[in-house]
Amino acid sequence: AKRYGKVGGFAHLSTLVKRMKASRPGALLLDGGD
């Protein structure tokens, strides 16, 4: 944890979602709940 740091966070997740959607036209983001 000290070496690699914290995980998650919607701002960081959002960056990855945008990248994946940009490289995959029409890709759908599914949210499984909770």
Full PDB file with SEQRES, HELIX, SHEET, SSBOND, CRYST1, ORIGX, SCALE, CONECT and MASTER records, all heavy atoms in Angstrom:
SEQRES   1 A   34  ALA LYS ARG TYR GLY LYS VAL GLY GLY PHE ALA HIS LEU          
SEQRES   2 A   34  SER THR LEU VAL LYS ARG MET LYS ALA SER ARG PRO GLY          
SEQRES   3 A   34  ALA LEU LEU LEU ASP GLY GLY ASP                              
HELIX    1 AA1 PHE A   10  SER A   23  1                                  14    
CRYST1    1.000    1.000    1.000  90.00  90.00  90.00 P 1           1          
ORIGX1      1.000000  0.000000  0.000000        0.00000                         
ORIGX2      0.000000  1.000000  0.000000        0.00000                         
ORIGX3      0.000000  0.000000  1.000000        0.00000                         
SCALE1      1.000000  0.000000  0.000000        0.00000                         
SCALE2      0.000000  1.000000  0.000000        0.00000                         
SCALE3      0.000000  0.000000  1.000000        0.00000                         
ATOM      1  N   ALA A   1       0.831  -1.201   0.000  1.00  0.00           N  
ATOM      2  CA  ALA A   1       0.000   0.000   0.000  1.00  0.00           C  
ATOM      3  C   ALA A   1       0.865   1.250   0.000  1.00  0.00           C  
ATOM      4  O   ALA A   1       0.566   2.239  -0.696  1.00  0.00           O  
ATOM      5  CB  ALA A   1      -0.923  -0.003   1.213  1.00  0.00           C  
ATOM      6  N   LYS A   2       1.950   1.218   0.764  1.00  0.00           N  
ATOM      7  CA  LYS A   2       2.849   2.373   0.788  1.00  0.00           C  
ATOM      8  C   LYS A   2       3.555   2.548  -0.545  1.00  0.00           C  
ATOM      9  O   LYS A   2       3.830   3.663  -0.971  1.00  0.00           O  
ATOM     10  CB  LYS A   2       3.865   2.205   1.918  1.00  0.00           C  
ATOM     11  CG  LYS A   2       3.261   2.283   3.312  1.00  0.00           C  
ATOM     12  CD  LYS A   2       4.279   2.009   4.393  1.00  0.00           C  
ATOM     13  CE  LYS A   2       3.644   2.037   5.778  1.00  0.00           C  
ATOM     14  NZ  LYS A   2       4.615   1.703   6.847  1.00  0.00           N  
ATOM     15  N   ARG A   3       3.830   1.437  -1.209  1.00  0.00           N  
ATOM     16  CA  ARG A   3       4.546   1.503  -2.481  1.00  0.00           C  
ATOM     17  C   ARG A   3       3.652   1.936  -3.636  1.00  0.00           C  
ATOM     18  O   ARG A   3       4.030   2.783  -4.445  1.00  0.00           O  
ATOM     19  CB  ARG A   3       5.155   0.135  -2.792  1.00  0.00           C  
ATOM     20  CG  ARG A   3       5.948   0.122  -4.090  1.00  0.00           C  
ATOM     21  CD  ARG A   3       6.606  -1.224  -4.298  1.00  0.00           C  
ATOM     22  NE  ARG A   3       7.497  -1.194  -5.455  1.00  0.00           N  
ATOM     23  CZ  ARG A   3       8.207  -2.228  -5.873  1.00  0.00           C  
ATOM     24  NH1 ARG A   3       8.130  -3.383  -5.223  1.00  0.00           N  
ATOM     25  NH2 ARG A   3       8.980  -2.140  -6.931  1.00  0.00           N  
ATOM     26  N   TYR A   4       2.468   1.337  -3.716  1.00  0.00           N  
ATOM     27  CA  TYR A   4       1.611   1.562  -4.873  1.00  0.00           C  
ATOM     28  C   TYR A   4       0.481   2.552  -4.624  1.00  0.00           C  
ATOM     29  O   TYR A   4      -0.181   2.986  -5.564  1.00  0.00           O  
ATOM     30  CB  TYR A   4       1.031   0.236  -5.365  1.00  0.00           C  
ATOM     31  CG  TYR A   4       2.091  -0.719  -5.870  1.00  0.00           C  
ATOM     32  CD1 TYR A   4       2.379  -1.886  -5.179  1.00  0.00           C  
ATOM     33  CD2 TYR A   4       2.820  -0.439  -7.019  1.00  0.00           C  
ATOM     34  CE1 TYR A   4       3.357  -2.763  -5.636  1.00  0.00           C  
ATOM     35  CE2 TYR A   4       3.797  -1.297  -7.480  1.00  0.00           C  
ATOM     36  CZ  TYR A   4       4.067  -2.460  -6.785  1.00  0.00           C  
ATOM     37  OH  TYR A   4       5.043  -3.314  -7.235  1.00  0.00           O  
ATOM     38  N   GLY A   5       0.222   2.896  -3.356  1.00  0.00           N  
ATOM     39  CA  GLY A   5      -0.736   3.947  -3.058  1.00  0.00           C  
ATOM     40  C   GLY A   5      -2.180   3.493  -3.000  1.00  0.00           C  
ATOM     41  O   GLY A   5      -2.490   2.305  -2.980  1.00  0.00           O  
ATOM     42  N   LYS A   6      -3.046   4.472  -2.995  1.00  0.00           N  
ATOM     43  CA  LYS A   6      -4.481   4.202  -2.888  1.00  0.00           C  
ATOM     44  C   LYS A   6      -5.044   3.710  -4.222  1.00  0.00           C  
ATOM     45  O   LYS A   6      -4.446   3.894  -5.284  1.00  0.00           O  
ATOM     46  CB  LYS A   6      -5.223   5.461  -2.433  1.00  0.00           C  
ATOM     47  CG  LYS A   6      -4.897   5.879  -1.002  1.00  0.00           C  
ATOM     48  CD  LYS A   6      -5.733   7.078  -0.573  1.00  0.00           C  
ATOM     49  CE  LYS A   6      -5.458   7.430   0.896  1.00  0.00           C  
ATOM     50  NZ  LYS A   6      -6.299   8.558   1.358  1.00  0.00           N  
ATOM     51  N   VAL A   7      -6.220   3.102  -4.124  1.00  0.00           N  
ATOM     52  CA  VAL A   7      -6.885   2.559  -5.305  1.00  0.00           C  
ATOM     53  C   VAL A   7      -8.271   3.194  -5.431  1.00  0.00           C  
ATOM     54  O   VAL A   7      -8.827   3.738  -4.485  1.00  0.00           O  
ATOM     55  CB  VAL A   7      -7.018   1.028  -5.214  1.00  0.00           C  
ATOM     56  CG1 VAL A   7      -5.655   0.363  -5.277  1.00  0.00           C  
ATOM     57  CG2 VAL A   7      -7.745   0.614  -3.937  1.00  0.00           C  
ATOM     58  N   GLY A   8      -8.825   3.092  -6.638  1.00  0.00           N  
ATOM     59  CA  GLY A   8     -10.172   3.585  -6.868  1.00  0.00           C  
ATOM     60  C   GLY A   8     -10.248   5.092  -6.968  1.00  0.00           C  
ATOM     61  O   GLY A   8      -9.276   5.778  -7.269  1.00  0.00           O  
ATOM     62  N   GLY A   9     -11.439   5.596  -6.702  1.00  0.00           N  
ATOM     63  CA  GLY A   9     -11.711   7.026  -6.851  1.00  0.00           C  
ATOM     64  C   GLY A   9     -12.396   7.292  -8.176  1.00  0.00           C  
ATOM     65  O   GLY A   9     -11.889   6.914  -9.241  1.00  0.00           O  
ATOM     66  N   PHE A  10     -13.556   7.924  -8.134  1.00  0.00           N  
ATOM     67  CA  PHE A  10     -14.339   8.126  -9.356  1.00  0.00           C  
ATOM     68  C   PHE A  10     -13.648   9.019 -10.375  1.00  0.00           C  
ATOM     69  O   PHE A  10     -13.855   8.871 -11.572  1.00  0.00           O  
ATOM     70  CB  PHE A  10     -15.726   8.681  -9.003  1.00  0.00           C  
ATOM     71  CG  PHE A  10     -16.800   7.634  -8.955  1.00  0.00           C  
ATOM     72  CD1 PHE A  10     -16.616   6.475  -8.216  1.00  0.00           C  
ATOM     73  CD2 PHE A  10     -17.996   7.790  -9.640  1.00  0.00           C  
ATOM     74  CE1 PHE A  10     -17.603   5.492  -8.169  1.00  0.00           C  
ATOM     75  CE2 PHE A  10     -18.990   6.823  -9.611  1.00  0.00           C  
ATOM     76  CZ  PHE A  10     -18.790   5.666  -8.875  1.00  0.00           C  
ATOM     77  N   ALA A  11     -12.831   9.957  -9.920  1.00  0.00           N  
ATOM     78  CA  ALA A  11     -12.134  10.815 -10.882  1.00  0.00           C  
ATOM     79  C   ALA A  11     -11.123  10.020 -11.690  1.00  0.00           C  
ATOM     80  O   ALA A  11     -10.949  10.252 -12.898  1.00  0.00           O  
ATOM     81  CB  ALA A  11     -11.446  11.971 -10.155  1.00  0.00           C  
ATOM     82  N   HIS A  12     -10.471   9.064 -11.053  1.00  0.00           N  
ATOM     83  CA  HIS A  12      -9.487   8.217 -11.741  1.00  0.00           C  
ATOM     84  C   HIS A  12     -10.195   7.154 -12.571  1.00  0.00           C  
ATOM     85  O   HIS A  12      -9.779   6.847 -13.699  1.00  0.00           O  
ATOM     86  CB  HIS A  12      -8.549   7.600 -10.709  1.00  0.00           C  
ATOM     87  CG  HIS A  12      -7.933   8.618  -9.803  1.00  0.00           C  
ATOM     88  ND1 HIS A  12      -6.801   9.326 -10.132  1.00  0.00           N  
ATOM     89  CD2 HIS A  12      -8.335   9.083  -8.588  1.00  0.00           C  
ATOM     90  CE1 HIS A  12      -6.514  10.169  -9.150  1.00  0.00           C  
ATOM     91  NE2 HIS A  12      -7.436  10.047  -8.214  1.00  0.00           N  
ATOM     92  N   LEU A  13     -11.261   6.604 -12.029  1.00  0.00           N  
ATOM     93  CA  LEU A  13     -12.084   5.662 -12.777  1.00  0.00           C  
ATOM     94  C   LEU A  13     -12.643   6.322 -14.030  1.00  0.00           C  
ATOM     95  O   LEU A  13     -12.675   5.716 -15.107  1.00  0.00           O  
ATOM     96  CB  LEU A  13     -13.217   5.155 -11.887  1.00  0.00           C  
ATOM     97  CG  LEU A  13     -14.280   4.264 -12.533  1.00  0.00           C  
ATOM     98  CD1 LEU A  13     -13.669   2.971 -13.057  1.00  0.00           C  
ATOM     99  CD2 LEU A  13     -15.402   3.952 -11.535  1.00  0.00           C  
ATOM    100  N   SER A  14     -13.070   7.552 -13.903  1.00  0.00           N  
ATOM    101  CA  SER A  14     -13.633   8.277 -15.040  1.00  0.00           C  
ATOM    102  C   SER A  14     -12.618   8.418 -16.174  1.00  0.00           C  
ATOM    103  O   SER A  14     -12.961   8.280 -17.357  1.00  0.00           O  
ATOM    104  CB  SER A  14     -14.123   9.659 -14.597  1.00  0.00           C  
ATOM    105  OG  SER A  14     -14.693  10.367 -15.676  1.00  0.00           O  
ATOM    106  N   THR A  15     -11.378   8.677 -15.828  1.00  0.00           N  
ATOM    107  CA  THR A  15     -10.328   8.777 -16.844  1.00  0.00           C  
ATOM    108  C   THR A  15     -10.208   7.478 -17.621  1.00  0.00           C  
ATOM    109  O   THR A  15     -10.120   7.483 -18.862  1.00  0.00           O  
ATOM    110  CB  THR A  15      -8.978   9.118 -16.183  1.00  0.00           C  
ATOM    111  OG1 THR A  15      -9.062  10.423 -15.610  1.00  0.00           O  
ATOM    112  CG2 THR A  15      -7.835   9.081 -17.190  1.00  0.00           C  
ATOM    113  N   LEU A  16     -10.233   6.353 -16.910  1.00  0.00           N  
ATOM    114  CA  LEU A  16     -10.104   5.063 -17.583  1.00  0.00           C  
ATOM    115  C   LEU A  16     -11.345   4.735 -18.407  1.00  0.00           C  
ATOM    116  O   LEU A  16     -11.231   4.211 -19.524  1.00  0.00           O  
ATOM    117  CB  LEU A  16      -9.849   3.971 -16.542  1.00  0.00           C  
ATOM    118  CG  LEU A  16      -9.574   2.571 -17.102  1.00  0.00           C  
ATOM    119  CD1 LEU A  16      -8.377   2.579 -18.044  1.00  0.00           C  
ATOM    120  CD2 LEU A  16      -9.358   1.575 -15.969  1.00  0.00           C  
ATOM    121  N   VAL A  17     -12.520   5.039 -17.881  1.00  0.00           N  
ATOM    122  CA  VAL A  17     -13.744   4.799 -18.643  1.00  0.00           C  
ATOM    123  C   VAL A  17     -13.720   5.574 -19.958  1.00  0.00           C  
ATOM    124  O   VAL A  17     -14.053   5.038 -21.025  1.00  0.00           O  
ATOM    125  CB  VAL A  17     -14.988   5.171 -17.809  1.00  0.00           C  
ATOM    126  CG1 VAL A  17     -16.245   5.216 -18.685  1.00  0.00           C  
ATOM    127  CG2 VAL A  17     -15.181   4.188 -16.669  1.00  0.00           C  
ATOM    128  N   LYS A  18     -13.316   6.820 -19.892  1.00  0.00           N  
ATOM    129  CA  LYS A  18     -13.257   7.629 -21.107  1.00  0.00           C  
ATOM    130  C   LYS A  18     -12.274   7.050 -22.117  1.00  0.00           C  
ATOM    131  O   LYS A  18     -12.535   7.035 -23.331  1.00  0.00           O  
ATOM    132  CB  LYS A  18     -12.885   9.075 -20.754  1.00  0.00           C  
ATOM    133  CG  LYS A  18     -14.010   9.856 -20.096  1.00  0.00           C  
ATOM    134  CD  LYS A  18     -13.596  11.298 -19.818  1.00  0.00           C  
ATOM    135  CE  LYS A  18     -14.773  12.094 -19.240  1.00  0.00           C  
ATOM    136  NZ  LYS A  18     -14.413  13.503 -18.958  1.00  0.00           N  
ATOM    137  N   ARG A  19     -11.136   6.561 -21.633  1.00  0.00           N  
ATOM    138  CA  ARG A  19     -10.154   5.963 -22.540  1.00  0.00           C  
ATOM    139  C   ARG A  19     -10.708   4.713 -23.199  1.00  0.00           C  
ATOM    140  O   ARG A  19     -10.546   4.495 -24.404  1.00  0.00           O  
ATOM    141  CB  ARG A  19      -8.874   5.619 -21.780  1.00  0.00           C  
ATOM    142  CG  ARG A  19      -8.076   6.813 -21.335  1.00  0.00           C  
ATOM    143  CD  ARG A  19      -6.767   6.360 -20.707  1.00  0.00           C  
ATOM    144  NE  ARG A  19      -6.053   7.462 -20.093  1.00  0.00           N  
ATOM    145  CZ  ARG A  19      -4.870   7.347 -19.509  1.00  0.00           C  
ATOM    146  NH1 ARG A  19      -4.279   6.160 -19.464  1.00  0.00           N  
ATOM    147  NH2 ARG A  19      -4.277   8.390 -18.969  1.00  0.00           N  
ATOM    148  N   MET A  20     -11.332   3.861 -22.397  1.00  0.00           N  
ATOM    149  CA  MET A  20     -11.858   2.616 -22.951  1.00  0.00           C  
ATOM    150  C   MET A  20     -12.987   2.893 -23.936  1.00  0.00           C  
ATOM    151  O   MET A  20     -13.092   2.241 -24.983  1.00  0.00           O  
ATOM    152  CB  MET A  20     -12.345   1.704 -21.827  1.00  0.00           C  
ATOM    153  CG  MET A  20     -11.252   1.156 -20.920  1.00  0.00           C  
ATOM    154  SD  MET A  20     -10.035   0.114 -21.754  1.00  0.00           S  
ATOM    155  CE  MET A  20      -8.597   1.204 -21.729  1.00  0.00           C  
ATOM    156  N   LYS A  21     -13.837   3.851 -23.626  1.00  0.00           N  
ATOM    157  CA  LYS A  21     -14.928   4.175 -24.553  1.00  0.00           C  
ATOM    158  C   LYS A  21     -14.401   4.811 -25.843  1.00  0.00           C  
ATOM    159  O   LYS A  21     -14.947   4.575 -26.925  1.00  0.00           O  
ATOM    160  CB  LYS A  21     -15.943   5.098 -23.873  1.00  0.00           C  
ATOM    161  CG  LYS A  21     -16.879   4.367 -22.908  1.00  0.00           C  
ATOM    162  CD  LYS A  21     -18.099   5.217 -22.543  1.00  0.00           C  
ATOM    163  CE  LYS A  21     -19.139   4.400 -21.782  1.00  0.00           C  
ATOM    164  NZ  LYS A  21     -20.383   5.157 -21.518  1.00  0.00           N  
ATOM    165  N   ALA A  22     -13.343   5.582 -25.713  1.00  0.00           N  
ATOM    166  CA  ALA A  22     -12.760   6.205 -26.906  1.00  0.00           C  
ATOM    167  C   ALA A  22     -12.158   5.161 -27.837  1.00  0.00           C  
ATOM    168  O   ALA A  22     -12.220   5.297 -29.070  1.00  0.00           O  
ATOM    169  CB  ALA A  22     -11.700   7.219 -26.494  1.00  0.00           C  
ATOM    170  N   SER A  23     -11.570   4.119 -27.267  1.00  0.00           N  
ATOM    171  CA  SER A  23     -10.947   3.079 -28.085  1.00  0.00           C  
ATOM    172  C   SER A  23     -11.929   2.000 -28.507  1.00  0.00           C  
ATOM    173  O   SER A  23     -11.601   1.155 -29.352  1.00  0.00           O  
ATOM    174  CB  SER A  23      -9.789   2.428 -27.319  1.00  0.00           C  
ATOM    175  OG  SER A  23     -10.265   1.733 -26.176  1.00  0.00           O  
ATOM    176  N   ARG A  24     -13.123   2.024 -27.934  1.00  0.00           N  
ATOM    177  CA  ARG A  24     -14.139   1.018 -28.222  1.00  0.00           C  
ATOM    178  C   ARG A  24     -15.467   1.700 -28.515  1.00  0.00           C  
ATOM    179  O   ARG A  24     -16.337   1.788 -27.642  1.00  0.00           O  
ATOM    180  CB  ARG A  24     -14.287   0.061 -27.023  1.00  0.00           C  
ATOM    181  CG  ARG A  24     -13.087  -0.834 -26.813  1.00  0.00           C  
ATOM    182  CD  ARG A  24     -13.020  -1.391 -25.413  1.00  0.00           C  
ATOM    183  NE  ARG A  24     -12.051  -2.481 -25.309  1.00  0.00           N  
ATOM    184  CZ  ARG A  24     -10.736  -2.311 -25.286  1.00  0.00           C  
ATOM    185  NH1 ARG A  24     -10.226  -1.081 -25.337  1.00  0.00           N  
ATOM    186  NH2 ARG A  24      -9.919  -3.352 -25.207  1.00  0.00           N  
ATOM    187  N   PRO A  25     -15.644   2.209 -29.722  1.00  0.00           N  
ATOM    188  CA  PRO A  25     -16.866   2.954 -30.065  1.00  0.00           C  
ATOM    189  C   PRO A  25     -18.120   2.146 -29.729  1.00  0.00           C  
ATOM    190  O   PRO A  25     -18.221   0.959 -30.038  1.00  0.00           O  
ATOM    191  CB  PRO A  25     -16.724   3.162 -31.578  1.00  0.00           C  
ATOM    192  CG  PRO A  25     -15.250   3.119 -31.832  1.00  0.00           C  
ATOM    193  CD  PRO A  25     -14.715   2.107 -30.861  1.00  0.00           C  
ATOM    194  N   GLY A  26     -19.056   2.805 -29.028  1.00  0.00           N  
ATOM    195  CA  GLY A  26     -20.317   2.167 -28.681  1.00  0.00           C  
ATOM    196  C   GLY A  26     -20.277   1.347 -27.407  1.00  0.00           C  
ATOM    197  O   GLY A  26     -21.306   0.812 -26.991  1.00  0.00           O  
ATOM    198  N   ALA A  27     -19.113   1.229 -26.764  1.00  0.00           N  
ATOM    199  CA  ALA A  27     -19.007   0.422 -25.546  1.00  0.00           C  
ATOM    200  C   ALA A  27     -19.987   0.914 -24.488  1.00  0.00           C  
ATOM    201  O   ALA A  27     -20.199   2.123 -24.332  1.00  0.00           O  
ATOM    202  CB  ALA A  27     -17.577   0.470 -25.012  1.00  0.00           C  
ATOM    203  N   LEU A  28     -20.565  -0.025 -23.741  1.00  0.00           N  
ATOM    204  CA  LEU A  28     -21.533   0.300 -22.690  1.00  0.00           C  
ATOM    205  C   LEU A  28     -20.897   0.114 -21.320  1.00  0.00           C  
ATOM    206  O   LEU A  28     -20.187  -0.870 -21.082  1.00  0.00           O  
ATOM    207  CB  LEU A  28     -22.759  -0.592 -22.808  1.00  0.00           C  
ATOM    208  CG  LEU A  28     -23.603  -0.446 -24.083  1.00  0.00           C  
ATOM    209  CD1 LEU A  28     -24.724  -1.478 -24.083  1.00  0.00           C  
ATOM    210  CD2 LEU A  28     -24.167   0.956 -24.215  1.00  0.00           C  
ATOM    211  N   LEU A  29     -21.165   1.054 -20.419  1.00  0.00           N  
ATOM    212  CA  LEU A  29     -20.700   0.962 -19.039  1.00  0.00           C  
ATOM    213  C   LEU A  29     -21.833   0.415 -18.180  1.00  0.00           C  
ATOM    214  O   LEU A  29     -22.895   1.039 -18.063  1.00  0.00           O  
ATOM    215  CB  LEU A  29     -20.243   2.325 -18.528  1.00  0.00           C  
ATOM    216  CG  LEU A  29     -19.829   2.386 -17.051  1.00  0.00           C  
ATOM    217  CD1 LEU A  29     -18.685   1.426 -16.751  1.00  0.00           C  
ATOM    218  CD2 LEU A  29     -19.447   3.821 -16.666  1.00  0.00           C  
ATOM    219  N   LEU A  30     -21.610  -0.735 -17.558  1.00  0.00           N  
ATOM    220  CA  LEU A  30     -22.611  -1.400 -16.746  1.00  0.00           C  
ATOM    221  C   LEU A  30     -22.224  -1.304 -15.274  1.00  0.00           C  
ATOM    222  O   LEU A  30     -21.076  -1.554 -14.907  1.00  0.00           O  
ATOM    223  CB  LEU A  30     -22.733  -2.875 -17.142  1.00  0.00           C  
ATOM    224  CG  LEU A  30     -22.893  -3.182 -18.640  1.00  0.00           C  
ATOM    225  CD1 LEU A  30     -23.091  -4.684 -18.846  1.00  0.00           C  
ATOM    226  CD2 LEU A  30     -24.049  -2.405 -19.249  1.00  0.00           C  
ATOM    227  N   ASP A  31     -23.208  -0.978 -14.442  1.00  0.00           N  
ATOM    228  CA  ASP A  31     -23.008  -0.835 -12.994  1.00  0.00           C  
ATOM    229  C   ASP A  31     -23.806  -1.931 -12.298  1.00  0.00           C  
ATOM    230  O   ASP A  31     -25.030  -1.959 -12.371  1.00  0.00           O  
ATOM    231  CB  ASP A  31     -23.471   0.558 -12.564  1.00  0.00           C  
ATOM    232  CG  ASP A  31     -23.394   0.786 -11.060  1.00  0.00           C  
ATOM    233  OD1 ASP A  31     -23.002  -0.143 -10.325  1.00  0.00           O  
ATOM    234  OD2 ASP A  31     -23.742   1.890 -10.611  1.00  0.00           O  
ATOM    235  N   GLY A  32     -23.092  -2.827 -11.579  1.00  0.00           N  
ATOM    236  CA  GLY A  32     -23.739  -3.974 -10.966  1.00  0.00           C  
ATOM    237  C   GLY A  32     -24.416  -3.705  -9.640  1.00  0.00           C  
ATOM    238  O   GLY A  32     -24.940  -4.626  -9.013  1.00  0.00           O  
ATOM    239  N   GLY A  33     -24.436  -2.443  -9.166  1.00  0.00           N  
ATOM    240  CA  GLY A  33     -25.154  -2.133  -7.940  1.00  0.00           C  
ATOM    241  C   GLY A  33     -24.274  -2.010  -6.719  1.00  0.00           C  
ATOM    242  O   GLY A  33     -23.056  -2.085  -6.786  1.00  0.00           O  
ATOM    243  N   ASP A  34     -24.907  -1.813  -5.559  1.00  0.00           N  
ATOM    244  CA  ASP A  34     -24.219  -1.442  -4.318  1.00  0.00           C  
ATOM    245  C   ASP A  34     -23.388  -0.181  -4.550  1.00  0.00           C  
ATOM    246  O   ASP A  34     -22.237  -0.079  -4.120  1.00  0.00           O  
ATOM    247  CB  ASP A  34     -23.335  -2.576  -3.796  1.00  0.00           C  
ATOM    248  CG  ASP A  34     -24.132  -3.612  -3.025  1.00  0.00           C  
ATOM    249  OD1 ASP A  34     -25.368  -3.524  -3.012  1.00  0.00           O  
ATOM    250  OD2 ASP A  34     -23.519  -4.519  -2.437  1.00  0.00           O  
TER     251      ASP A  34                                                      
MASTER        0    0    0    1    0    0    0    6  250    1    0    3          
END                                                                             
